[in-house]
Structures are given as C-alpha cells and as structure tokens.
Amino acid sequence: RLRRGPQDLPYSSALLVLLAVLSVLTGTINGRELFG
C-alpha cells in the first residue's frame, strides 16, 4: 500500500532465505501447468 518502505524491514539473512524459498515454492506451484 506504499505506507512502509524496504528500509523499514529488518536486515535478516534468515528472512531473505525464507522468502526466497517461499517465492520459488509458490512460483513452482503456480507455474507447473504452464511449464508442463
């Protein structure tokens, strides 16, 4: 909603890894039909 900025997010490697894993998993689930 543009009420916060990325600079307000904590500097956390664990959070970055968690979000990367979630991103790949959700993208894989959503794209499995498209990519066969």
Full PDB file with SEQRES, HELIX, SHEET, SSBOND, CRYST1, ORIGX, SCALE, CONECT and MASTER records, all heavy atoms in Angstrom:
SEQRES   1 A   36  ARG LEU ARG ARG GLY PRO GLN ASP LEU PRO TYR SER SER          
SEQRES   2 A   36  ALA LEU LEU VAL LEU LEU ALA VAL LEU SER VAL LEU THR          
SEQRES   3 A   36  GLY THR ILE ASN GLY ARG GLU LEU PHE GLY                      
HELIX    1 AA1 PRO A    6  ASP A    8  5                                   3    
HELIX    2 AA2 SER A   13  PHE A   35  1                                  23    
CRYST1    1.000    1.000    1.000  90.00  90.00  90.00 P 1           1          
ORIGX1      1.000000  0.000000  0.000000        0.00000                         
ORIGX2      0.000000  1.000000  0.000000        0.00000                         
ORIGX3      0.000000  0.000000  1.000000        0.00000                         
SCALE1      1.000000  0.000000  0.000000        0.00000                         
SCALE2      0.000000  1.000000  0.000000        0.00000                         
SCALE3      0.000000  0.000000  1.000000        0.00000                         
ATOM      1  N   ARG A   1       0.814  -1.216   0.000  1.00  0.00           N  
ATOM      2  CA  ARG A   1       0.000   0.000   0.000  1.00  0.00           C  
ATOM      3  C   ARG A   1       0.849   1.267   0.000  1.00  0.00           C  
ATOM      4  O   ARG A   1       0.318   2.367   0.088  1.00  0.00           O  
ATOM      5  CB  ARG A   1      -0.892   0.017   1.230  1.00  0.00           C  
ATOM      6  CG  ARG A   1      -1.956  -1.022   1.224  1.00  0.00           C  
ATOM      7  CD  ARG A   1      -2.639  -1.005   2.557  1.00  0.00           C  
ATOM      8  NE  ARG A   1      -3.989  -1.477   2.479  1.00  0.00           N  
ATOM      9  CZ  ARG A   1      -4.769  -1.620   3.533  1.00  0.00           C  
ATOM     10  NH1 ARG A   1      -4.323  -1.297   4.725  1.00  0.00           N  
ATOM     11  NH2 ARG A   1      -5.974  -2.084   3.391  1.00  0.00           N  
ATOM     12  N   LEU A   2       2.165   1.104  -0.064  1.00  0.00           N  
ATOM     13  CA  LEU A   2       3.130   2.206  -0.062  1.00  0.00           C  
ATOM     14  C   LEU A   2       3.099   3.018   1.230  1.00  0.00           C  
ATOM     15  O   LEU A   2       3.401   4.201   1.245  1.00  0.00           O  
ATOM     16  CB  LEU A   2       2.932   3.119  -1.277  1.00  0.00           C  
ATOM     17  CG  LEU A   2       3.059   2.451  -2.649  1.00  0.00           C  
ATOM     18  CD1 LEU A   2       2.766   3.455  -3.750  1.00  0.00           C  
ATOM     19  CD2 LEU A   2       4.426   1.831  -2.818  1.00  0.00           C  
ATOM     20  N   ARG A   3       2.758   2.360   2.320  1.00  0.00           N  
ATOM     21  CA  ARG A   3       2.770   3.011   3.628  1.00  0.00           C  
ATOM     22  C   ARG A   3       4.071   2.762   4.381  1.00  0.00           C  
ATOM     23  O   ARG A   3       4.345   3.410   5.376  1.00  0.00           O  
ATOM     24  CB  ARG A   3       1.597   2.520   4.473  1.00  0.00           C  
ATOM     25  CG  ARG A   3       0.265   2.933   3.903  1.00  0.00           C  
ATOM     26  CD  ARG A   3      -0.864   2.490   4.753  1.00  0.00           C  
ATOM     27  NE  ARG A   3      -2.122   2.955   4.183  1.00  0.00           N  
ATOM     28  CZ  ARG A   3      -3.282   2.508   4.539  1.00  0.00           C  
ATOM     29  NH1 ARG A   3      -3.374   1.585   5.483  1.00  0.00           N  
ATOM     30  NH2 ARG A   3      -4.381   2.984   3.976  1.00  0.00           N  
ATOM     31  N   ARG A   4       4.827   1.782   3.935  1.00  0.00           N  
ATOM     32  CA  ARG A   4       6.132   1.457   4.519  1.00  0.00           C  
ATOM     33  C   ARG A   4       7.114   1.307   3.376  1.00  0.00           C  
ATOM     34  O   ARG A   4       6.730   1.147   2.224  1.00  0.00           O  
ATOM     35  CB  ARG A   4       6.085   0.136   5.311  1.00  0.00           C  
ATOM     36  CG  ARG A   4       5.037  -0.009   6.373  1.00  0.00           C  
ATOM     37  CD  ARG A   4       5.356   0.571   7.737  1.00  0.00           C  
ATOM     38  NE  ARG A   4       6.545   0.138   8.396  1.00  0.00           N  
ATOM     39  CZ  ARG A   4       6.613  -0.778   9.340  1.00  0.00           C  
ATOM     40  NH1 ARG A   4       5.546  -1.432   9.711  1.00  0.00           N  
ATOM     41  NH2 ARG A   4       7.756  -1.043   9.921  1.00  0.00           N  
ATOM     42  N   GLY A   5       8.394   1.326   3.702  1.00  0.00           N  
ATOM     43  CA  GLY A   5       9.419   1.172   2.686  1.00  0.00           C  
ATOM     44  C   GLY A   5      10.318  -0.011   3.005  1.00  0.00           C  
ATOM     45  O   GLY A   5      10.323  -0.513   4.134  1.00  0.00           O  
ATOM     46  N   PRO A   6      11.106  -0.469   2.030  1.00  0.00           N  
ATOM     47  CA  PRO A   6      12.019  -1.600   2.268  1.00  0.00           C  
ATOM     48  C   PRO A   6      13.012  -1.324   3.387  1.00  0.00           C  
ATOM     49  O   PRO A   6      13.457  -2.240   4.059  1.00  0.00           O  
ATOM     50  CB  PRO A   6      12.742  -1.774   0.937  1.00  0.00           C  
ATOM     51  CG  PRO A   6      11.968  -1.031  -0.063  1.00  0.00           C  
ATOM     52  CD  PRO A   6      11.176   0.004   0.662  1.00  0.00           C  
ATOM     53  N   GLN A   7      13.360  -0.061   3.595  1.00  0.00           N  
ATOM     54  CA  GLN A   7      14.317   0.283   4.636  1.00  0.00           C  
ATOM     55  C   GLN A   7      13.755  -0.004   6.035  1.00  0.00           C  
ATOM     56  O   GLN A   7      14.518  -0.089   6.993  1.00  0.00           O  
ATOM     57  CB  GLN A   7      14.747   1.744   4.526  1.00  0.00           C  
ATOM     58  CG  GLN A   7      13.666   2.749   4.826  1.00  0.00           C  
ATOM     59  CD  GLN A   7      12.806   3.109   3.639  1.00  0.00           C  
ATOM     60  OE1 GLN A   7      12.846   2.453   2.602  1.00  0.00           O  
ATOM     61  NE2 GLN A   7      12.011   4.157   3.789  1.00  0.00           N  
ATOM     62  N   ASP A   8      12.444  -0.174   6.166  1.00  0.00           N  
ATOM     63  CA  ASP A   8      11.825  -0.485   7.457  1.00  0.00           C  
ATOM     64  C   ASP A   8      11.903  -1.968   7.798  1.00  0.00           C  
ATOM     65  O   ASP A   8      11.588  -2.357   8.914  1.00  0.00           O  
ATOM     66  CB  ASP A   8      10.362  -0.046   7.462  1.00  0.00           C  
ATOM     67  CG  ASP A   8      10.206   1.441   7.250  1.00  0.00           C  
ATOM     68  OD1 ASP A   8      11.112   2.194   7.680  1.00  0.00           O  
ATOM     69  OD2 ASP A   8       9.200   1.862   6.655  1.00  0.00           O  
ATOM     70  N   LEU A   9      12.290  -2.777   6.831  1.00  0.00           N  
ATOM     71  CA  LEU A   9      12.409  -4.225   7.037  1.00  0.00           C  
ATOM     72  C   LEU A   9      13.709  -4.528   7.763  1.00  0.00           C  
ATOM     73  O   LEU A   9      14.729  -3.901   7.483  1.00  0.00           O  
ATOM     74  CB  LEU A   9      12.400  -4.916   5.669  1.00  0.00           C  
ATOM     75  CG  LEU A   9      12.014  -6.373   5.576  1.00  0.00           C  
ATOM     76  CD1 LEU A   9      10.627  -6.606   6.142  1.00  0.00           C  
ATOM     77  CD2 LEU A   9      12.042  -6.821   4.131  1.00  0.00           C  
ATOM     78  N   PRO A  10      13.702  -5.471   8.700  1.00  0.00           N  
ATOM     79  CA  PRO A  10      14.958  -5.791   9.402  1.00  0.00           C  
ATOM     80  C   PRO A  10      15.987  -6.415   8.460  1.00  0.00           C  
ATOM     81  O   PRO A  10      15.639  -7.111   7.512  1.00  0.00           O  
ATOM     82  CB  PRO A  10      14.534  -6.778  10.476  1.00  0.00           C  
ATOM     83  CG  PRO A  10      13.211  -7.290  10.078  1.00  0.00           C  
ATOM     84  CD  PRO A  10      12.583  -6.265   9.181  1.00  0.00           C  
ATOM     85  N   TYR A  11      17.240  -6.148   8.731  1.00  0.00           N  
ATOM     86  CA  TYR A  11      18.349  -6.729   7.966  1.00  0.00           C  
ATOM     87  C   TYR A  11      18.543  -8.146   8.478  1.00  0.00           C  
ATOM     88  O   TYR A  11      19.158  -8.361   9.513  1.00  0.00           O  
ATOM     89  CB  TYR A  11      19.606  -5.880   8.179  1.00  0.00           C  
ATOM     90  CG  TYR A  11      20.742  -6.233   7.263  1.00  0.00           C  
ATOM     91  CD1 TYR A  11      20.858  -5.616   6.028  1.00  0.00           C  
ATOM     92  CD2 TYR A  11      21.696  -7.165   7.629  1.00  0.00           C  
ATOM     93  CE1 TYR A  11      21.901  -5.929   5.174  1.00  0.00           C  
ATOM     94  CE2 TYR A  11      22.734  -7.489   6.783  1.00  0.00           C  
ATOM     95  CZ  TYR A  11      22.834  -6.856   5.565  1.00  0.00           C  
ATOM     96  OH  TYR A  11      23.868  -7.180   4.726  1.00  0.00           O  
ATOM     97  N   SER A  12      17.988  -9.135   7.770  1.00  0.00           N  
ATOM     98  CA  SER A  12      17.997 -10.511   8.246  1.00  0.00           C  
ATOM     99  C   SER A  12      18.243 -11.479   7.097  1.00  0.00           C  
ATOM    100  O   SER A  12      17.437 -11.564   6.163  1.00  0.00           O  
ATOM    101  CB  SER A  12      16.648 -10.820   8.908  1.00  0.00           C  
ATOM    102  OG  SER A  12      16.529 -12.192   9.177  1.00  0.00           O  
ATOM    103  N   SER A  13      19.336 -12.224   7.207  1.00  0.00           N  
ATOM    104  CA  SER A  13      19.638 -13.242   6.195  1.00  0.00           C  
ATOM    105  C   SER A  13      18.621 -14.375   6.244  1.00  0.00           C  
ATOM    106  O   SER A  13      18.235 -14.919   5.200  1.00  0.00           O  
ATOM    107  CB  SER A  13      21.040 -13.806   6.415  1.00  0.00           C  
ATOM    108  OG  SER A  13      21.998 -12.797   6.278  1.00  0.00           O  
ATOM    109  N   ALA A  14      18.194 -14.731   7.444  1.00  0.00           N  
ATOM    110  CA  ALA A  14      17.216 -15.816   7.589  1.00  0.00           C  
ATOM    111  C   ALA A  14      15.900 -15.451   6.913  1.00  0.00           C  
ATOM    112  O   ALA A  14      15.275 -16.296   6.257  1.00  0.00           O  
ATOM    113  CB  ALA A  14      16.996 -16.128   9.067  1.00  0.00           C  
ATOM    114  N   LEU A  15      15.474 -14.214   7.054  1.00  0.00           N  
ATOM    115  CA  LEU A  15      14.239 -13.768   6.413  1.00  0.00           C  
ATOM    116  C   LEU A  15      14.377 -13.796   4.893  1.00  0.00           C  
ATOM    117  O   LEU A  15      13.473 -14.238   4.188  1.00  0.00           O  
ATOM    118  CB  LEU A  15      13.873 -12.359   6.881  1.00  0.00           C  
ATOM    119  CG  LEU A  15      12.615 -11.753   6.276  1.00  0.00           C  
ATOM    120  CD1 LEU A  15      11.386 -12.593   6.612  1.00  0.00           C  
ATOM    121  CD2 LEU A  15      12.445 -10.325   6.751  1.00  0.00           C  
ATOM    122  N   LEU A  16      15.520 -13.373   4.384  1.00  0.00           N  
ATOM    123  CA  LEU A  16      15.754 -13.385   2.937  1.00  0.00           C  
ATOM    124  C   LEU A  16      15.711 -14.816   2.393  1.00  0.00           C  
ATOM    125  O   LEU A  16      15.068 -15.075   1.377  1.00  0.00           O  
ATOM    126  CB  LEU A  16      17.089 -12.729   2.598  1.00  0.00           C  
ATOM    127  CG  LEU A  16      17.469 -12.697   1.120  1.00  0.00           C  
ATOM    128  CD1 LEU A  16      16.451 -11.918   0.308  1.00  0.00           C  
ATOM    129  CD2 LEU A  16      18.854 -12.108   0.946  1.00  0.00           C  
ATOM    130  N   VAL A  17      16.338 -15.738   3.079  1.00  0.00           N  
ATOM    131  CA  VAL A  17      16.333 -17.140   2.641  1.00  0.00           C  
ATOM    132  C   VAL A  17      14.913 -17.705   2.700  1.00  0.00           C  
ATOM    133  O   VAL A  17      14.461 -18.384   1.765  1.00  0.00           O  
ATOM    134  CB  VAL A  17      17.311 -17.983   3.487  1.00  0.00           C  
ATOM    135  CG1 VAL A  17      17.134 -19.463   3.228  1.00  0.00           C  
ATOM    136  CG2 VAL A  17      18.747 -17.557   3.213  1.00  0.00           C  
ATOM    137  N   LEU A  18      14.194 -17.433   3.786  1.00  0.00           N  
ATOM    138  CA  LEU A  18      12.820 -17.917   3.919  1.00  0.00           C  
ATOM    139  C   LEU A  18      11.946 -17.392   2.784  1.00  0.00           C  
ATOM    140  O   LEU A  18      11.192 -18.152   2.170  1.00  0.00           O  
ATOM    141  CB  LEU A  18      12.242 -17.495   5.269  1.00  0.00           C  
ATOM    142  CG  LEU A  18      10.759 -17.797   5.479  1.00  0.00           C  
ATOM    143  CD1 LEU A  18      10.519 -19.300   5.542  1.00  0.00           C  
ATOM    144  CD2 LEU A  18      10.253 -17.113   6.723  1.00  0.00           C  
ATOM    145  N   LEU A  19      12.053 -16.108   2.490  1.00  0.00           N  
ATOM    146  CA  LEU A  19      11.249 -15.527   1.418  1.00  0.00           C  
ATOM    147  C   LEU A  19      11.655 -16.049   0.047  1.00  0.00           C  
ATOM    148  O   LEU A  19      10.806 -16.233  -0.829  1.00  0.00           O  
ATOM    149  CB  LEU A  19      11.338 -14.009   1.464  1.00  0.00           C  
ATOM    150  CG  LEU A  19      10.651 -13.364   2.668  1.00  0.00           C  
ATOM    151  CD1 LEU A  19      11.001 -11.886   2.754  1.00  0.00           C  
ATOM    152  CD2 LEU A  19       9.149 -13.564   2.612  1.00  0.00           C  
ATOM    153  N   ALA A  20      12.944 -16.319  -0.156  1.00  0.00           N  
ATOM    154  CA  ALA A  20      13.394 -16.892  -1.429  1.00  0.00           C  
ATOM    155  C   ALA A  20      12.814 -18.299  -1.621  1.00  0.00           C  
ATOM    156  O   ALA A  20      12.337 -18.638  -2.711  1.00  0.00           O  
ATOM    157  CB  ALA A  20      14.918 -16.928  -1.483  1.00  0.00           C  
ATOM    158  N   VAL A  21      12.828 -19.093  -0.562  1.00  0.00           N  
ATOM    159  CA  VAL A  21      12.265 -20.451  -0.637  1.00  0.00           C  
ATOM    160  C   VAL A  21      10.768 -20.380  -0.902  1.00  0.00           C  
ATOM    161  O   VAL A  21      10.239 -21.097  -1.764  1.00  0.00           O  
ATOM    162  CB  VAL A  21      12.579 -21.236   0.659  1.00  0.00           C  
ATOM    163  CG1 VAL A  21      11.776 -22.523   0.739  1.00  0.00           C  
ATOM    164  CG2 VAL A  21      14.066 -21.534   0.749  1.00  0.00           C  
ATOM    165  N   LEU A  22      10.069 -19.518  -0.165  1.00  0.00           N  
ATOM    166  CA  LEU A  22       8.630 -19.372  -0.384  1.00  0.00           C  
ATOM    167  C   LEU A  22       8.318 -18.872  -1.794  1.00  0.00           C  
ATOM    168  O   LEU A  22       7.350 -19.321  -2.417  1.00  0.00           O  
ATOM    169  CB  LEU A  22       8.033 -18.413   0.646  1.00  0.00           C  
ATOM    170  CG  LEU A  22       7.898 -18.945   2.065  1.00  0.00           C  
ATOM    171  CD1 LEU A  22       7.423 -17.839   2.994  1.00  0.00           C  
ATOM    172  CD2 LEU A  22       6.960 -20.126   2.114  1.00  0.00           C  
ATOM    173  N   SER A  23       9.130 -17.981  -2.304  1.00  0.00           N  
ATOM    174  CA  SER A  23       8.937 -17.465  -3.653  1.00  0.00           C  
ATOM    175  C   SER A  23       9.073 -18.564  -4.699  1.00  0.00           C  
ATOM    176  O   SER A  23       8.243 -18.679  -5.607  1.00  0.00           O  
ATOM    177  CB  SER A  23       9.942 -16.346  -3.926  1.00  0.00           C  
ATOM    178  OG  SER A  23       9.835 -15.878  -5.237  1.00  0.00           O  
ATOM    179  N   VAL A  24      10.109 -19.370  -4.564  1.00  0.00           N  
ATOM    180  CA  VAL A  24      10.319 -20.463  -5.521  1.00  0.00           C  
ATOM    181  C   VAL A  24       9.200 -21.500  -5.393  1.00  0.00           C  
ATOM    182  O   VAL A  24       8.690 -21.995  -6.404  1.00  0.00           O  
ATOM    183  CB  VAL A  24      11.715 -21.101  -5.334  1.00  0.00           C  
ATOM    184  CG1 VAL A  24      11.838 -22.379  -6.132  1.00  0.00           C  
ATOM    185  CG2 VAL A  24      12.799 -20.119  -5.738  1.00  0.00           C  
ATOM    186  N   LEU A  25       8.803 -21.819  -4.174  1.00  0.00           N  
ATOM    187  CA  LEU A  25       7.736 -22.812  -3.986  1.00  0.00           C  
ATOM    188  C   LEU A  25       6.404 -22.335  -4.553  1.00  0.00           C  
ATOM    189  O   LEU A  25       5.731 -23.090  -5.260  1.00  0.00           O  
ATOM    190  CB  LEU A  25       7.577 -23.145  -2.502  1.00  0.00           C  
ATOM    191  CG  LEU A  25       8.664 -24.009  -1.893  1.00  0.00           C  
ATOM    192  CD1 LEU A  25       8.423 -24.206  -0.399  1.00  0.00           C  
ATOM    193  CD2 LEU A  25       8.742 -25.357  -2.582  1.00  0.00           C  
ATOM    194  N   THR A  26       6.016 -21.104  -4.258  1.00  0.00           N  
ATOM    195  CA  THR A  26       4.745 -20.613  -4.796  1.00  0.00           C  
ATOM    196  C   THR A  26       4.803 -20.465  -6.312  1.00  0.00           C  
ATOM    197  O   THR A  26       3.838 -20.769  -7.002  1.00  0.00           O  
ATOM    198  CB  THR A  26       4.340 -19.267  -4.153  1.00  0.00           C  
ATOM    199  OG1 THR A  26       5.377 -18.320  -4.348  1.00  0.00           O  
ATOM    200  CG2 THR A  26       4.024 -19.419  -2.695  1.00  0.00           C  
ATOM    201  N   GLY A  27       5.935 -20.036  -6.834  1.00  0.00           N  
ATOM    202  CA  GLY A  27       6.090 -19.933  -8.280  1.00  0.00           C  
ATOM    203  C   GLY A  27       6.035 -21.289  -8.961  1.00  0.00           C  
ATOM    204  O   GLY A  27       5.467 -21.431 -10.043  1.00  0.00           O  
ATOM    205  N   THR A  28       6.610 -22.287  -8.319  1.00  0.00           N  
ATOM    206  CA  THR A  28       6.583 -23.642  -8.873  1.00  0.00           C  
ATOM    207  C   THR A  28       5.168 -24.203  -8.872  1.00  0.00           C  
ATOM    208  O   THR A  28       4.722 -24.786  -9.873  1.00  0.00           O  
ATOM    209  CB  THR A  28       7.520 -24.571  -8.063  1.00  0.00           C  
ATOM    210  OG1 THR A  28       8.849 -24.051  -8.138  1.00  0.00           O  
ATOM    211  CG2 THR A  28       7.494 -25.986  -8.596  1.00  0.00           C  
ATOM    212  N   ILE A  29       4.459 -23.997  -7.784  1.00  0.00           N  
ATOM    213  CA  ILE A  29       3.079 -24.497  -7.699  1.00  0.00           C  
ATOM    214  C   ILE A  29       2.200 -23.794  -8.735  1.00  0.00           C  
ATOM    215  O   ILE A  29       1.417 -24.443  -9.432  1.00  0.00           O  
ATOM    216  CB  ILE A  29       2.526 -24.301  -6.272  1.00  0.00           C  
ATOM    217  CG1 ILE A  29       3.237 -25.252  -5.313  1.00  0.00           C  
ATOM    218  CG2 ILE A  29       1.020 -24.529  -6.228  1.00  0.00           C  
ATOM    219  CD1 ILE A  29       3.005 -24.952  -3.851  1.00  0.00           C  
ATOM    220  N   ASN A  30       2.356 -22.493  -8.845  1.00  0.00           N  
ATOM    221  CA  ASN A  30       1.534 -21.742  -9.805  1.00  0.00           C  
ATOM    222  C   ASN A  30       1.921 -21.992 -11.258  1.00  0.00           C  
ATOM    223  O   ASN A  30       1.081 -21.871 -12.145  1.00  0.00           O  
ATOM    224  CB  ASN A  30       1.614 -20.241  -9.516  1.00  0.00           C  
ATOM    225  CG  ASN A  30       0.904 -19.871  -8.245  1.00  0.00           C  
ATOM    226  OD1 ASN A  30      -0.036 -20.535  -7.836  1.00  0.00           O  
ATOM    227  ND2 ASN A  30       1.368 -18.811  -7.607  1.00  0.00           N  
ATOM    228  N   GLY A  31       3.174 -22.336 -11.523  1.00  0.00           N  
ATOM    229  CA  GLY A  31       3.644 -22.483 -12.893  1.00  0.00           C  
ATOM    230  C   GLY A  31       3.741 -23.898 -13.410  1.00  0.00           C  
ATOM    231  O   GLY A  31       4.168 -24.107 -14.543  1.00  0.00           O  
ATOM    232  N   ARG A  32       3.341 -24.871 -12.611  1.00  0.00           N  
ATOM    233  CA  ARG A  32       3.523 -26.270 -13.054  1.00  0.00           C  
ATOM    234  C   ARG A  32       2.713 -26.602 -14.300  1.00  0.00           C  
ATOM    235  O   ARG A  32       3.156 -27.376 -15.129  1.00  0.00           O  
ATOM    236  CB  ARG A  32       3.251 -27.229 -11.910  1.00  0.00           C  
ATOM    237  CG  ARG A  32       1.843 -27.292 -11.472  1.00  0.00           C  
ATOM    238  CD  ARG A  32       1.644 -28.322 -10.355  1.00  0.00           C  
ATOM    239  NE  ARG A  32       0.246 -28.388 -10.031  1.00  0.00           N  
ATOM    240  CZ  ARG A  32      -0.288 -27.898  -8.943  1.00  0.00           C  
ATOM    241  NH1 ARG A  32       0.475 -27.316  -8.049  1.00  0.00           N  
ATOM    242  NH2 ARG A  32      -1.578 -27.994  -8.730  1.00  0.00           N  
ATOM    243  N   GLU A  33       1.535 -26.024 -14.459  1.00  0.00           N  
ATOM    244  CA  GLU A  33       0.739 -26.276 -15.660  1.00  0.00           C  
ATOM    245  C   GLU A  33       1.343 -25.555 -16.869  1.00  0.00           C  
ATOM    246  O   GLU A  33       1.386 -26.097 -17.964  1.00  0.00           O  
ATOM    247  CB  GLU A  33      -0.710 -25.813 -15.454  1.00  0.00           C  
ATOM    248  CG  GLU A  33      -1.465 -26.608 -14.416  1.00  0.00           C  
ATOM    249  CD  GLU A  33      -1.665 -28.062 -14.809  1.00  0.00           C  
ATOM    250  OE1 GLU A  33      -1.904 -28.325 -15.999  1.00  0.00           O  
ATOM    251  OE2 GLU A  33      -1.565 -28.922 -13.912  1.00  0.00           O  
ATOM    252  N   LEU A  34       1.796 -24.347 -16.650  1.00  0.00           N  
ATOM    253  CA  LEU A  34       2.368 -23.553 -17.727  1.00  0.00           C  
ATOM    254  C   LEU A  34       3.639 -24.181 -18.284  1.00  0.00           C  
ATOM    255  O   LEU A  34       3.857 -24.213 -19.497  1.00  0.00           O  
ATOM    256  CB  LEU A  34       2.668 -22.135 -17.228  1.00  0.00           C  
ATOM    257  CG  LEU A  34       3.334 -21.186 -18.208  1.00  0.00           C  
ATOM    258  CD1 LEU A  34       2.382 -20.846 -19.348  1.00  0.00           C  
ATOM    259  CD2 LEU A  34       3.760 -19.914 -17.494  1.00  0.00           C  
ATOM    260  N   PHE A  35       4.485 -24.705 -17.390  1.00  0.00           N  
ATOM    261  CA  PHE A  35       5.771 -25.277 -17.802  1.00  0.00           C  
ATOM    262  C   PHE A  35       5.711 -26.782 -18.061  1.00  0.00           C  
ATOM    263  O   PHE A  35       6.706 -27.382 -18.422  1.00  0.00           O  
ATOM    264  CB  PHE A  35       6.842 -24.964 -16.758  1.00  0.00           C  
ATOM    265  CG  PHE A  35       7.221 -23.518 -16.725  1.00  0.00           C  
ATOM    266  CD1 PHE A  35       6.732 -22.686 -15.731  1.00  0.00           C  
ATOM    267  CD2 PHE A  35       8.041 -22.976 -17.688  1.00  0.00           C  
ATOM    268  CE1 PHE A  35       7.071 -21.349 -15.689  1.00  0.00           C  
ATOM    269  CE2 PHE A  35       8.386 -21.636 -17.669  1.00  0.00           C  
ATOM    270  CZ  PHE A  35       7.891 -20.824 -16.668  1.00  0.00           C  
ATOM    271  N   GLY A  36       4.570 -27.399 -17.853  1.00  0.00           N  
ATOM    272  CA  GLY A  36       4.412 -28.806 -18.167  1.00  0.00           C  
ATOM    273  C   GLY A  36       4.943 -29.762 -17.110  1.00  0.00           C  
ATOM    274  O   GLY A  36       5.336 -30.874 -17.429  1.00  0.00           O  
TER     275      GLY A  36                                                      
MASTER        0    0    0    2    0    0    0    6  274    1    0    3          
END                                                                             
